[in-house]
Protein backbone atom coordinates (compact mmCIF):
# COMPACT_ATOMS: atom_id res chain seq x y z
CA MET A 1 53.01 -21.03 24.53
CA LYS A 2 49.37 -22.08 24.47
CA GLY A 3 47.67 -24.01 21.72
CA PRO A 4 44.30 -23.25 20.18
CA LYS A 5 41.38 -23.23 22.57
CA ALA A 6 39.15 -26.26 22.14
CA PRO A 7 35.46 -25.57 21.45
CA LYS A 8 32.83 -26.57 23.96
CA ASP A 9 30.86 -29.72 23.42
CA PRO A 10 27.82 -29.04 21.26
CA VAL A 11 24.56 -28.31 23.07
CA GLU A 12 21.60 -30.28 21.78
CA LYS A 13 19.42 -27.93 19.75
CA ARG A 14 15.95 -27.36 21.10
CA PRO A 15 12.83 -27.62 18.94
CA VAL A 16 12.34 -24.30 17.20
CA VAL A 17 9.39 -22.24 16.01
CA TYR A 18 10.10 -19.61 13.35
CA VAL A 19 8.25 -16.29 13.42
CA MET A 20 10.17 -14.44 10.70
CA VAL A 21 12.59 -15.93 8.16
CA ASP A 22 14.88 -13.63 6.16
CA SER A 23 12.23 -10.92 6.28
CA ILE A 24 13.47 -7.62 4.87
CA ILE A 25 13.32 -4.88 7.49
CA GLU A 26 14.12 -1.19 7.20
CA GLY A 27 15.48 1.25 9.73
CA SER A 28 13.17 4.07 8.73
CA PRO A 29 13.52 7.54 10.25
CA ARG A 30 10.87 7.94 12.94
CA GLU A 31 9.38 10.97 14.63
CA ASN A 32 11.31 9.99 17.79
CA GLY A 33 14.57 10.65 15.90
CA LYS A 34 15.54 6.98 15.71
CA PHE A 35 15.89 4.65 12.71
CA GLN A 36 13.55 1.76 13.44
CA ASP A 37 11.63 -1.12 11.95
CA ILE A 38 8.48 -2.03 13.90
CA CYS A 39 6.63 -5.28 13.33
CA TYR A 40 3.33 -5.20 15.22
CA LEU A 41 2.27 -8.54 16.69
CA ASN A 42 -0.81 -7.54 18.75
CA GLY A 43 -2.64 -10.87 18.71
CA ARG A 44 -1.27 -11.81 15.28
CA ILE A 45 1.81 -13.83 16.14
CA ALA A 46 0.04 -17.22 16.04
CA GLN A 47 -1.11 -16.49 12.49
CA LYS A 48 2.41 -15.44 11.47
CA ILE A 49 3.76 -18.72 12.79
CA SER A 50 1.06 -20.85 11.17
CA VAL A 51 1.74 -19.26 7.79
CA LEU A 52 5.37 -20.35 7.98
CA CYS A 53 4.34 -23.81 9.20
CA ASN A 54 0.72 -24.77 8.66
CA ASP A 55 0.90 -27.93 10.77
CA MET A 56 2.12 -26.20 13.94
CA PRO A 57 0.58 -27.87 17.03
CA LYS A 58 -2.50 -26.11 18.36
CA GLU A 59 -1.05 -25.96 21.88
CA ILE A 60 1.86 -23.81 20.69
CA LEU A 61 -0.40 -21.43 18.76
CA GLU A 62 -2.60 -21.01 21.83
CA LEU A 63 0.29 -20.33 24.22
CA VAL A 64 2.51 -18.03 22.19
CA PRO A 65 0.41 -14.82 21.91
CA THR A 66 0.39 -13.89 25.63
CA GLY A 67 3.25 -12.99 27.91
CA GLU A 68 2.35 -15.77 30.36
CA GLY A 69 1.98 -18.41 27.65
CA PHE A 70 5.16 -17.22 25.94
CA ARG A 71 7.22 -17.76 29.12
CA LYS A 72 5.71 -21.21 29.57
CA LEU A 73 6.55 -22.16 25.99
CA VAL A 74 9.79 -20.40 25.06
CA HIS A 75 13.25 -21.04 26.45
CA THR A 76 15.27 -18.74 24.18
CA ILE A 77 14.65 -16.14 21.48
CA GLY A 78 16.98 -16.47 18.50
CA VAL A 79 17.64 -13.33 16.45
CA THR A 80 19.69 -13.04 13.25
CA VAL A 81 20.27 -9.82 11.29
CA LEU A 82 22.14 -9.54 7.99
CA ALA A 83 22.64 -6.02 6.63
CA ALA A 84 22.03 -5.53 2.90
CA ASP A 85 25.11 -3.31 2.61
CA LYS A 86 28.35 -5.21 3.26
CA GLU A 87 29.93 -2.10 4.78
CA GLN A 88 27.20 -2.09 7.43
CA GLN A 89 27.66 -5.73 8.40
CA ASN A 90 30.14 -4.74 11.09
CA GLU A 91 27.46 -2.65 12.83
CA GLN A 92 24.99 -3.67 15.52
CA VAL A 93 21.29 -3.15 15.95
CA ILE A 94 19.15 -3.27 19.08
CA PHE A 95 16.38 -5.87 18.89
CA GLU A 96 13.41 -5.79 21.28
CA LEU A 97 10.39 -7.99 21.83
CA ASN A 98 7.86 -5.86 23.67
CA CYS A 99 4.86 -7.10 25.63
CA LEU A 100 1.76 -4.95 25.82
CA SER A 101 0.73 -4.05 29.35
CA ALA A 102 -2.46 -5.49 30.77
CA MET A 103 -2.25 -3.21 33.82
CA GLN A 104 -2.58 0.58 33.76
CA GLY A 105 0.50 2.34 35.07
CA LYS A 106 2.83 -0.65 34.76
CA ALA A 107 4.92 -1.51 31.69
CA GLY A 108 5.07 -4.89 30.02
CA SER A 109 8.33 -6.83 29.62
CA CYS A 110 10.92 -5.89 27.01
CA TYR A 111 13.28 -8.68 25.91
CA ARG A 112 16.30 -6.91 24.45
CA ALA A 113 19.68 -7.67 22.86
CA GLU A 114 22.37 -6.07 20.74
CA VAL A 115 22.65 -8.07 17.53
CA PRO A 116 25.49 -7.89 15.00
CA CYS A 117 24.47 -7.26 11.38
CA ASN A 118 26.72 -10.01 10.01
CA GLY A 119 24.25 -12.92 10.17
CA GLN A 120 25.45 -14.27 13.51
CA GLU A 121 22.59 -15.48 15.71
CA VAL A 122 22.14 -13.92 19.14
CA LYS A 123 20.07 -15.72 21.77
CA ILE A 124 17.99 -14.05 24.47
CA THR A 125 17.28 -16.37 27.39
CA VAL A 126 13.74 -15.75 28.62
CA ALA A 127 14.53 -16.84 32.20
CA ASP A 128 17.04 -13.97 32.48
CA TYR A 129 14.04 -11.62 32.67
CA PRO A 130 11.77 -11.63 35.74
CA GLU A 131 8.16 -12.64 35.45
CA ASN A 132 5.90 -9.63 35.01
CA GLU A 133 2.24 -9.72 36.00
CA ALA A 134 1.56 -6.78 33.68
CA ASP A 135 2.40 -8.77 30.53
CA GLY A 136 -0.53 -9.06 28.15
CA LEU A 137 -0.22 -9.82 24.45
CA LEU A 138 3.15 -9.87 22.71
CA GLY A 139 3.13 -6.41 21.17
CA SER A 140 5.93 -5.88 18.68
CA PHE A 141 9.39 -6.60 17.40
CA VAL A 142 11.36 -3.33 17.29
CA THR A 143 14.75 -3.19 15.57
CA THR A 144 16.73 0.04 16.05
CA PHE A 145 19.49 0.79 13.53
CA PRO A 146 22.34 3.30 13.75
CA SER A 147 21.24 4.83 10.41
CA HIS A 148 18.72 4.41 7.59
CA GLU A 149 19.40 0.97 6.16
CA THR A 150 17.84 -2.37 5.31
CA ALA A 151 18.60 -5.90 6.47
CA LYS A 152 17.19 -9.42 6.63
CA LEU A 153 15.74 -10.47 9.98
CA THR A 154 15.10 -14.00 11.25
CA VAL A 155 13.37 -14.49 14.61
CA CYS A 156 12.74 -17.91 16.12
CA PHE A 157 11.68 -19.30 19.48
CA TYR A 158 13.57 -22.25 20.96
CA LEU A 159 11.09 -24.23 23.04
CA ASN A 160 11.18 -25.41 26.62
CA ASP A 161 11.40 -29.12 27.44
CA GLY A 162 8.22 -31.00 26.69
CA TYR A 163 7.29 -29.09 23.52
CA THR A 164 8.04 -30.09 19.94
CA ALA A 165 7.52 -28.38 16.60
CA PRO A 166 7.75 -29.49 12.95
CA GLU A 167 10.83 -28.51 10.97
CA LEU A 168 10.55 -25.53 8.65
CA VAL A 169 10.52 -26.48 4.95
CA PRO A 170 11.79 -23.55 2.83
CA ASP A 171 9.92 -22.39 -0.29
CA ALA A 172 11.41 -22.54 -3.76
CA PRO A 173 12.39 -19.11 -5.13
CA VAL A 174 9.75 -17.28 -7.17
CA ASP A 175 10.39 -17.51 -10.92
CA PHE A 176 9.31 -14.07 -12.10
CA CYS A 177 10.15 -14.94 -15.71
CA SER A 178 8.05 -18.09 -16.04
CA GLU A 179 4.99 -18.51 -18.22
CA ARG A 180 2.97 -19.46 -15.14
CA TYR A 181 3.93 -16.17 -13.52
CA SER A 182 2.81 -14.28 -16.62
CA GLU A 183 -0.54 -16.10 -16.64
CA MET A 184 -1.02 -15.29 -12.96
CA ILE A 185 -0.47 -11.58 -13.66
CA LYS A 186 -2.95 -11.61 -16.55
CA ARG A 187 -5.70 -12.95 -14.26
CA SER A 188 -5.60 -9.69 -12.31
CA LEU A 189 -7.37 -7.62 -14.96
CA VAL A 190 -11.07 -7.60 -14.02
CA GLN A 191 -12.00 -5.16 -16.79
CA THR A 192 -10.33 -2.48 -18.87
CA GLY A 193 -13.42 -0.29 -18.69
CA SER A 194 -13.15 2.88 -20.71
CA LEU A 195 -9.52 3.48 -21.70
CA TYR A 196 -10.11 7.00 -23.00
CA ARG A 197 -8.63 8.85 -20.02
CA VAL A 198 -5.73 6.41 -19.56
CA GLN A 199 -4.81 6.66 -23.25
CA ARG A 200 -5.06 10.44 -23.00
CA ALA A 201 -2.49 10.36 -20.16
CA ILE A 202 -0.22 8.01 -22.13
CA GLU A 203 -0.28 10.34 -25.13
CA LYS A 204 0.53 13.33 -22.91
CA ALA A 205 3.50 11.50 -21.43
CA GLU A 206 4.81 10.46 -24.84
CA ARG A 207 4.62 14.10 -26.00
CA GLY A 208 6.69 15.19 -23.01
CA GLU A 209 3.82 16.93 -21.23
CA LYS A 210 3.45 16.67 -17.47
CA VAL A 211 1.47 13.65 -16.27
CA VAL A 212 0.57 13.09 -12.60
CA ILE A 213 -0.17 9.60 -11.28
CA ALA A 214 -1.74 9.55 -7.80
CA TYR A 215 -2.40 6.69 -5.40
CA LEU A 216 -4.94 6.96 -2.55
CA GLY A 217 -5.61 4.11 -0.16
CA GLY A 218 -4.69 2.41 3.10
CA SER A 219 -1.49 1.00 4.52
CA ILE A 220 -0.73 -1.12 1.44
CA THR A 221 -0.68 2.05 -0.65
CA GLN A 222 1.40 3.72 2.05
CA GLY A 223 3.85 0.88 1.36
CA ALA A 224 3.54 -1.28 4.48
CA GLY A 225 5.59 -4.45 4.13
CA ALA A 226 7.85 -2.94 1.45
CA LYS A 227 11.48 -2.35 2.41
CA PRO A 228 12.57 0.37 1.69
CA ILE A 229 9.00 1.61 1.89
CA ASN A 230 9.46 4.54 -0.49
CA THR A 231 11.01 2.68 -3.44
CA GLU A 232 9.84 -0.95 -3.12
CA CYS A 233 6.12 -0.24 -2.62
CA TYR A 234 3.75 -1.15 -5.45
CA ALA A 235 2.80 2.49 -6.03
CA TYR A 236 6.34 3.68 -6.71
CA ARG A 237 7.21 0.59 -8.76
CA SER A 238 4.12 0.89 -10.99
CA TYR A 239 4.76 4.62 -11.42
CA GLN A 240 8.31 3.78 -12.50
CA ALA A 241 6.89 1.24 -14.98
CA PHE A 242 4.69 3.96 -16.52
CA LYS A 243 7.70 6.29 -16.77
CA LYS A 244 9.76 3.59 -18.46
CA ARG A 245 7.03 2.78 -20.98
CA PHE A 246 5.73 6.24 -21.80
CA GLY A 247 7.86 8.99 -20.26
CA LYS A 248 9.76 11.37 -22.49
CA GLY A 249 13.53 10.99 -22.25
CA ASN A 250 14.29 9.94 -18.68
CA GLY A 251 10.63 10.32 -17.70
CA ASP A 252 10.96 13.48 -15.61
CA ASN A 253 7.67 14.69 -17.07
CA VAL A 254 5.82 11.96 -15.09
CA GLU A 255 5.12 12.93 -11.47
CA PHE A 256 4.24 10.77 -8.48
CA VAL A 257 1.71 11.41 -5.70
CA LYS A 258 1.38 8.74 -3.00
CA ALA A 259 -1.31 9.28 -0.37
CA GLY A 260 -1.76 6.02 1.53
CA ALA A 261 -2.56 6.05 5.25
CA GLY A 262 -2.69 2.89 7.35
CA GLY A 263 -5.94 1.66 8.87
CA THR A 264 -8.17 4.02 6.88
CA CYS A 265 -11.23 3.37 4.73
CA SER A 266 -12.78 5.29 1.85
CA GLU A 267 -14.90 7.29 4.30
CA LEU A 268 -11.69 8.97 5.42
CA GLY A 269 -10.40 8.95 1.84
CA LEU A 270 -13.23 11.30 0.91
CA THR A 271 -12.02 13.82 3.48
CA ARG A 272 -8.37 13.39 2.41
CA TYR A 273 -8.75 13.64 -1.37
CA GLU A 274 -8.55 17.42 -1.58
CA MET A 275 -5.79 17.65 1.03
CA ASP A 276 -3.56 14.67 0.17
CA VAL A 277 -4.15 14.11 -3.57
CA LEU A 278 -5.05 17.56 -4.90
CA ARG A 279 -2.77 19.17 -2.27
CA ARG A 280 -5.14 22.07 -1.69
CA GLY A 281 -5.48 22.82 -5.40
CA THR A 282 -1.80 22.60 -6.36
CA VAL A 283 -1.99 19.16 -8.05
CA VAL A 284 -4.13 18.13 -11.03
CA PRO A 285 -3.93 14.33 -11.46
CA ASP A 286 -4.19 12.48 -14.77
CA ILE A 287 -4.54 9.01 -13.24
CA VAL A 288 -5.81 8.12 -9.75
CA PHE A 289 -5.60 4.66 -8.17
CA LEU A 290 -8.06 3.90 -5.36
CA GLU A 291 -7.08 0.97 -3.08
CA TYR A 292 -9.75 0.26 -0.45
CA ALA A 293 -10.88 -3.33 -1.01
CA VAL A 294 -9.27 -4.58 2.21
CA ASN A 295 -9.96 -1.52 4.38
CA ASP A 296 -13.59 -0.75 3.70
CA ALA A 297 -15.09 -3.21 6.18
CA GLY A 298 -15.04 -0.12 8.41
CA ASP A 299 -17.11 1.97 5.97
CA GLU A 300 -20.34 2.59 7.90
CA THR A 301 -22.17 3.32 4.62
CA ASP A 302 -21.44 -0.12 3.10
CA GLY A 303 -20.06 1.28 -0.13
CA VAL A 304 -21.77 4.67 -0.51
CA CYS A 305 -18.59 6.45 0.58
CA PHE A 306 -16.53 4.35 -1.82
CA GLU A 307 -18.71 5.10 -4.83
CA SER A 308 -18.88 8.75 -3.79
CA LEU A 309 -15.07 8.83 -3.76
CA VAL A 310 -14.84 7.20 -7.20
CA ARG A 311 -17.24 9.72 -8.70
CA MET A 312 -15.65 12.63 -6.81
CA ALA A 313 -12.26 11.78 -8.32
CA MET A 314 -13.63 11.24 -11.83
CA ASP A 315 -15.48 14.57 -11.76
CA GLY A 316 -12.68 16.47 -10.01
CA PRO A 317 -9.81 18.58 -11.31
CA GLY A 318 -8.24 17.02 -14.40
CA ASN A 319 -11.09 14.52 -14.86
CA PRO A 320 -8.52 11.79 -14.24
CA ALA A 321 -8.67 8.15 -15.18
CA VAL A 322 -9.72 6.39 -11.98
CA ILE A 323 -8.46 2.83 -11.58
CA LEU A 324 -9.82 0.53 -8.86
CA LEU A 325 -7.20 -1.71 -7.26
CA PHE A 326 -8.34 -4.66 -5.14
CA ALA A 327 -5.66 -5.86 -2.73
CA VAL A 328 -6.17 -9.01 -0.65
CA PHE A 329 -5.43 -10.18 2.91
CA MET A 330 -3.71 -13.42 3.81
CA ASP A 331 -7.07 -15.02 4.70
CA ASP A 332 -8.23 -14.27 1.11
CA PHE A 333 -10.53 -11.45 2.31
CA ASN A 334 -11.41 -8.41 0.27
CA LEU A 335 -14.55 -6.50 -0.70
CA GLN A 336 -14.17 -6.56 -4.47
CA GLU A 337 -17.59 -8.14 -4.99
CA ARG A 338 -19.15 -5.03 -3.43
CA MET A 339 -16.92 -2.70 -5.44
CA ILE A 340 -16.97 -4.31 -8.89
CA PRO A 341 -20.55 -3.09 -9.60
CA VAL A 342 -19.30 0.46 -8.89
CA GLY A 343 -16.49 -0.01 -11.40
CA LYS A 344 -18.87 -1.38 -13.99
CA ARG A 345 -21.30 1.52 -13.52
CA CYS A 346 -18.46 4.06 -13.70
CA ARG A 347 -16.62 2.19 -16.51
CA THR A 348 -13.34 2.26 -14.62
CA PRO A 349 -10.43 -0.17 -15.13
CA MET A 350 -10.27 -2.69 -12.28
CA ILE A 351 -7.30 -4.80 -11.14
CA SER A 352 -7.66 -7.61 -8.60
CA LEU A 353 -4.77 -9.16 -6.71
CA LYS A 354 -7.23 -11.66 -5.28
CA ASN A 355 -7.99 -12.93 -8.79
CA ALA A 356 -4.28 -13.16 -9.55
CA VAL A 357 -2.70 -14.82 -6.54
CA THR A 358 -5.39 -16.48 -4.42
CA PRO A 359 -6.28 -19.37 -6.80
CA GLN A 360 -2.66 -20.52 -7.10
CA PHE A 361 -1.96 -20.46 -3.33
CA SER A 362 -3.74 -23.83 -3.02
CA GLU A 363 -1.88 -25.46 -5.91
CA GLU A 364 0.65 -28.18 -5.14
CA CYS A 365 3.45 -26.07 -6.63
CA PRO A 366 2.28 -22.44 -6.44
CA VAL A 367 4.00 -19.69 -8.37
CA ILE A 368 4.37 -17.89 -5.04
CA THR A 369 3.38 -19.11 -1.57
CA LYS A 370 1.43 -17.10 0.96
CA ARG A 371 4.45 -16.73 3.18
CA GLN A 372 6.41 -15.33 0.23
CA TYR A 373 3.67 -12.98 -0.93
CA PHE A 374 2.76 -11.58 2.49
CA TYR A 375 4.96 -9.70 4.92
CA ASP A 376 2.35 -10.27 7.63
CA LEU A 377 -1.35 -11.13 7.77
CA PHE A 378 -2.34 -8.00 5.88
CA HIS A 379 0.52 -6.49 3.93
CA PRO A 380 2.54 -7.72 0.94
CA SER A 381 6.25 -8.41 1.17
CA ASN A 382 8.66 -6.93 -1.37
CA ASP A 383 7.73 -9.82 -3.67
CA GLY A 384 4.06 -9.08 -3.08
CA HIS A 385 4.49 -5.41 -3.87
CA ARG A 386 6.39 -6.39 -7.02
CA ILE A 387 3.46 -8.57 -8.11
CA MET A 388 1.02 -5.71 -7.49
CA ALA A 389 3.18 -3.43 -9.63
CA ASP A 390 3.50 -6.07 -12.35
CA CYS A 391 -0.30 -6.39 -12.49
CA ILE A 392 -0.54 -2.64 -13.01
CA ASP A 393 2.25 -2.70 -15.59
CA TYR A 394 0.32 -5.40 -17.48
CA PHE A 395 -2.62 -3.00 -17.54
CA TRP A 396 -0.33 -0.22 -18.89
CA GLN A 397 0.61 -2.59 -21.71
CA ILE A 398 -3.01 -3.50 -22.49
CA ALA A 399 -4.09 0.16 -22.48
CA ALA A 400 -1.29 1.17 -24.85
CA GLU A 401 -1.91 -1.67 -27.30
CA ALA A 402 -5.71 -1.33 -27.36
CA PRO A 403 -7.43 0.60 -30.19
CA LYS A 404 -7.64 4.30 -29.41
CA GLU A 405 -10.92 5.20 -27.71
CA THR A 406 -12.72 8.45 -28.56
CA THR A 407 -15.53 8.37 -25.99
CA ASP A 408 -14.91 9.66 -22.47
CA ALA A 409 -15.49 7.49 -19.41
CA VAL A 410 -18.63 9.26 -18.18
CA PRO A 411 -20.25 7.26 -15.33
CA GLU A 412 -23.83 6.13 -15.63
CA GLN A 413 -26.15 8.57 -13.91
CA ILE A 414 -27.75 6.07 -11.53
CA PRO A 415 -25.17 4.88 -8.97
CA ALA A 416 -24.60 1.23 -8.13
CA ILE A 417 -24.72 1.83 -4.35
CA GLY A 418 -24.94 5.57 -3.72
CA GLU A 419 -23.10 8.86 -4.22
CA LYS A 420 -24.47 11.26 -1.60
CA TYR A 421 -20.96 12.37 -0.55
CA ARG A 422 -19.74 12.93 -4.10
CA GLU A 423 -19.49 16.69 -3.51
CA LEU A 424 -17.87 16.76 -0.10
CA TYR A 425 -16.23 19.94 1.15
CA THR A 426 -13.56 19.74 3.85
CA PHE A 427 -11.85 22.04 6.31
CA ASP A 428 -9.51 21.93 9.29
CA ARG A 429 -7.92 24.50 11.55
CA SER A 430 -5.81 25.91 8.71
CA ASN A 431 -8.64 26.93 6.38
CA TYR A 432 -11.96 27.04 8.22
CA SER A 433 -11.97 30.85 8.31
CA SER A 434 -12.08 30.99 4.50
CA CYS A 435 -15.03 28.57 4.33
CA SER A 436 -18.22 30.64 3.86
CA ASP A 437 -20.44 27.81 5.12
CA VAL A 438 -18.74 27.95 8.52
CA ARG A 439 -20.69 30.76 10.18
CA GLU A 440 -18.96 30.58 13.57
CA LEU A 441 -16.32 28.43 15.26
CA LEU A 442 -15.38 28.61 18.94
CA SER A 443 -12.71 26.12 19.94
CA GLY A 444 -13.20 26.46 23.71
CA ALA A 445 -11.04 23.95 25.56
CA PHE A 446 -10.06 22.44 22.19
CA SER A 447 -7.52 25.19 21.69
CA GLU A 448 -4.24 23.29 21.41
CA LYS A 449 -2.68 21.41 18.50
CA ASP A 450 -2.03 17.71 18.86
CA MET A 451 1.49 16.79 17.74
CA VAL A 452 1.22 13.05 18.47
CA LEU A 453 -0.44 12.11 15.19
CA GLN A 454 -0.52 9.38 12.58
CA TYR A 455 2.61 9.67 10.45
CA VAL A 456 2.78 8.34 6.89
CA GLU A 457 5.39 8.27 4.13
CA LYS A 458 4.07 10.35 1.23
CA ASP A 459 5.19 10.42 -2.40
CA ALA A 460 8.75 9.09 -2.70
CA ASP A 461 9.78 10.45 0.70
CA GLU A 462 11.43 7.99 3.07
CA ARG A 463 10.47 10.19 6.02
CA ALA A 464 6.96 10.14 7.42
CA SER A 465 4.88 13.29 7.87
CA ALA A 466 1.83 13.96 9.99
CA GLU A 467 -1.76 13.58 8.82
CA PHE A 468 -4.07 16.47 9.77
CA PRO A 469 -1.41 18.53 11.57
CA ASP A 470 -3.78 21.54 11.78
CA ASN A 471 -6.19 20.22 14.36
CA TRP A 472 -8.03 21.16 17.53
CA MET A 473 -7.04 19.29 20.70
CA LYS A 474 -8.46 19.36 24.17
CA ALA A 475 -5.36 18.43 26.12
CA PRO A 476 -5.63 15.90 28.94
CA ASP A 477 -6.19 17.57 32.34
CA SER A 478 -7.37 20.79 30.68
CA THR A 479 -10.72 22.40 31.40
CA GLY A 480 -12.91 24.86 29.57
CA ASP A 481 -15.84 25.22 27.22
CA SER A 482 -16.88 22.68 24.62
CA PHE A 483 -16.06 23.01 20.91
CA ARG A 484 -18.86 24.87 19.08
CA LEU A 485 -19.47 25.16 15.37
CA ARG A 486 -22.28 26.84 13.46
CA ILE A 487 -22.33 25.52 9.89
CA PHE A 488 -24.64 25.49 6.88
CA CYS A 489 -24.71 21.89 5.61
CA LYS A 490 -26.80 18.85 4.75
CA ASP A 491 -24.50 16.04 5.97
CA LEU A 492 -21.58 16.40 8.36
CA LEU A 493 -18.53 14.15 8.88
CA LEU A 494 -16.13 14.47 11.79
CA VAL A 495 -12.49 13.38 11.48
CA TYR A 496 -10.89 12.59 14.84
CA LYS A 497 -7.84 10.85 16.28
CA ASP A 498 -7.97 7.30 17.56
CA THR A 499 -5.39 6.53 20.21
CA GLY A 500 -4.20 3.96 22.71
CA ASP A 501 -3.42 6.66 25.28
CA ALA A 502 -5.67 6.27 28.34
CA ALA A 503 -5.36 10.02 28.96
CA PHE A 504 -7.88 10.50 26.13
CA GLY A 505 -11.59 9.93 26.65
CA THR A 506 -15.06 9.78 25.16
CA ALA A 507 -16.72 12.78 23.55
CA GLU A 508 -20.31 13.46 22.56
CA VAL A 509 -21.36 15.22 19.36
CA ARG A 510 -24.55 17.25 19.64
CA VAL A 511 -26.29 18.79 16.64
CA ASP A 512 -28.98 21.34 17.45
CA GLY A 513 -28.94 20.15 21.05
CA GLU A 514 -29.35 16.41 20.38
CA VAL A 515 -26.59 13.81 20.82
CA THR A 516 -25.96 12.31 17.37
CA ARG A 517 -22.75 10.42 18.06
CA THR A 518 -20.70 9.22 21.03
CA ILE A 519 -17.07 8.64 20.14
CA ASN A 520 -14.55 6.64 22.17
CA PRO A 521 -11.06 7.24 20.70
CA LEU A 522 -9.69 4.24 22.63
CA GLU A 523 -11.96 1.76 20.86
CA ILE A 524 -9.45 0.88 18.12
CA GLY A 525 -6.42 1.17 20.37
CA TRP A 526 -3.80 2.74 18.12
CA ASN A 527 -2.95 6.16 16.81
CA HIS A 528 -4.65 6.86 13.49
CA CYS A 529 -7.29 9.00 11.77
CA THR A 530 -10.96 8.05 11.60
CA ALA A 531 -13.98 9.70 9.96
CA TYR A 532 -17.56 9.25 11.15
CA ILE A 533 -20.84 10.66 9.92
CA VAL A 534 -22.23 12.73 12.79
CA TYR A 535 -25.28 14.23 11.05
CA GLU A 536 -27.43 13.43 8.01
CA SER A 537 -30.38 15.30 6.51
CA ASP A 538 -32.37 15.60 3.30
CA THR A 539 -31.82 19.34 2.94
CA ALA A 540 -29.10 21.84 3.80
CA ALA A 541 -29.69 24.20 6.71
CA GLU A 542 -27.77 26.02 9.41
CA HIS A 543 -26.91 23.83 12.40
CA ASP A 544 -25.31 24.33 15.80
CA VAL A 545 -22.73 21.62 16.48
CA GLU A 546 -21.18 21.00 19.89
CA ILE A 547 -18.41 18.56 20.80
CA ALA A 548 -17.99 18.00 24.52
CA MET A 549 -16.39 15.41 26.76
CA LYS A 550 -18.70 13.05 28.58
CA PRO A 551 -18.94 14.18 32.24
CA GLU A 552 -16.98 11.21 33.57
CA ASP A 553 -14.17 11.99 31.08
CA ALA A 554 -14.15 15.76 31.61
CA ALA A 555 -10.47 15.77 32.55
CA LYS A 556 -9.40 13.67 29.57
CA GLY A 557 -8.25 14.65 26.06
CA PHE A 558 -9.79 14.47 22.60
CA THR A 559 -8.52 15.59 19.19
CA ILE A 560 -10.67 16.93 16.36
CA LEU A 561 -8.72 16.58 13.10
CA GLY A 562 -11.16 18.13 10.64
CA PHE A 563 -14.62 18.09 9.08
CA GLY A 564 -16.33 17.20 5.83
CA TYR A 565 -19.78 18.34 4.77
CA THR A 566 -22.22 18.29 1.87
CA LEU A 567 -24.68 20.92 0.62
CA LYS A 568 -26.84 18.82 -1.69
C-alpha cells in the first residue's frame, strides 16, 4: 500500500501584473455560432493595467502592449474563471490572448488554454510558444464558452526575472444604500427642462395605455461592458425602473426599444432613427434617450448633426420626450459642454454621468473607484451601468413628484448650433424604389449584399443582429461599372462599412462629375457603420452621383450601406 503523495516544494511566486480582476464576462451568441466574450485590447492594455494599479512602473506599461515587448516582460499568463452558475462550474472554457498581425498574410500569435470554470488558476507559459515576427499589438482576450453563460474572469501576467510590480490593493465594495451614494446620483441631473412630455408618458403608463421608451446611442447604449448585455445594461435597467414605478399591473404596457450601435456618432444616428427607433413606421415612441456625449468627437459638423437629431426626434412621430444622456470615458472626457446649450434651447431633460461620478473619483474614499465603475477605458461595468440606471430612475422620481406641467416642450426656433439635417430622409436597398426623390439607381459592380456587417444586440435580445443588412457591395476581385444614383436633394449623406479587411479599398464619390469625397474604409480598422456628408448645397436640385473605386483599388471591395438626404 502507498501513502499519500507529498506535494512539491512551493515555487517562489513571480511579481504579477493584473489586467482584469473578477471582471464579469458573458458567453454571448455570436454570428460565428460560438458563445464568446471578447475584450478588445488594441493599444489599450497599458491603460487597463494602470487603472488597476496607478503606480505601475513606466517600463512595464511601455513594454506590455506589443507582442515583442510582451514576450520580453511576461513569463506566464495566469487565467482564472469562475462560472456564475454552480452547475456550470464543472465545465471548461477556452481562453485566448490574440496578437494582431503586423504583416499581411501572416497571423499573429495566439496564446491558448482550456480553463476550468471552478476558480482554479491555469497558467500559460509564454516560452512554450515560438517567437513570431508578425506579432504587433496585443489584440484581444477571447473566452469561448460551451453555452450562453456568465462568469468572473481574472487575467494576470507573471513577470520575467528582473521586473517588479506593486501589489494590487483591492477596492472596498460599493455601498449602494449610503447617503453619499444618493448624493452622487442627485448630482447627475443637469436640468429637468420641460417635463410636460415625460409626465404625459407617466400618466399614460399609470392608466394602462401603451408607452414606448427608446434608447439611441453608441456602444454604451448597446450595453457594452454589461454582463449579460441584454439585462444588465443601463437602458434595460432604467426601463425596468420606469415599469416598476408607473406600469399598470406587471408593467406589460411599457415597451422597450434599444438601438445602440458601437463606435457611432449622432451623424449616423440621424440615418438610423427611422430604421432602428421608429422601425420603418411601426413604432411610435413616448420617450427617447439620446446618448452621444462620448461618441460625437467624430461628428464632422461639430454638433449640427446632434442638434438636428434632437429636433428630429422631438418633432417626429409621437412628439416624444427627448432626454439627453451624457456618459463619460475613463479619462473624464465627454462633450456635454457642447451639447448642454442644445438641451437648454430645446428644453430637454439632461442627465450627466460626468457630473455624478467624476468629482468623487479623486476623493480619498470615493463612493466608487474608476476601476469599479469602468469595464474598460470607455464602457461601464455592471456597477457603472447600474449607476447610469439609478441616475435615470432619480429623474423618473423627480418628474413624477414635480407639479404637473401644462405647456409642451416646444424648442426655441433659433438653434444653438444648427439643425440643417432635422428633416433627413433615408433609404437603403430595401426601399429605394419607393422613394420618389430617387430618379434612377444603377448598382453596377455593387450588386451583391455584404453579410459581414456590424452586429448589435437590440431591445432585450441577447442575440446580435446586423445593421444595414440591405446594402450594396462591390465584392473583392469583382469588376464592373460604378454605382450610379440620380437623386433630387439638397444635402446627401453616405453610410458605408468600415472594415479591417485588406481586401476592401478606397472609393471616390463624384457628384455631377466632381469628386466630393474620398473614402478609405480601412482608416478606422474595424467593422462598423459610418456616415459622411458627401454633398452640401443651399437649394435642392437633381444630381448625378457616382461611387467608384480608385484605379489602384479597382480589384478591391467596398460596401454602401445606405443614404440620407435633405430637401430643404
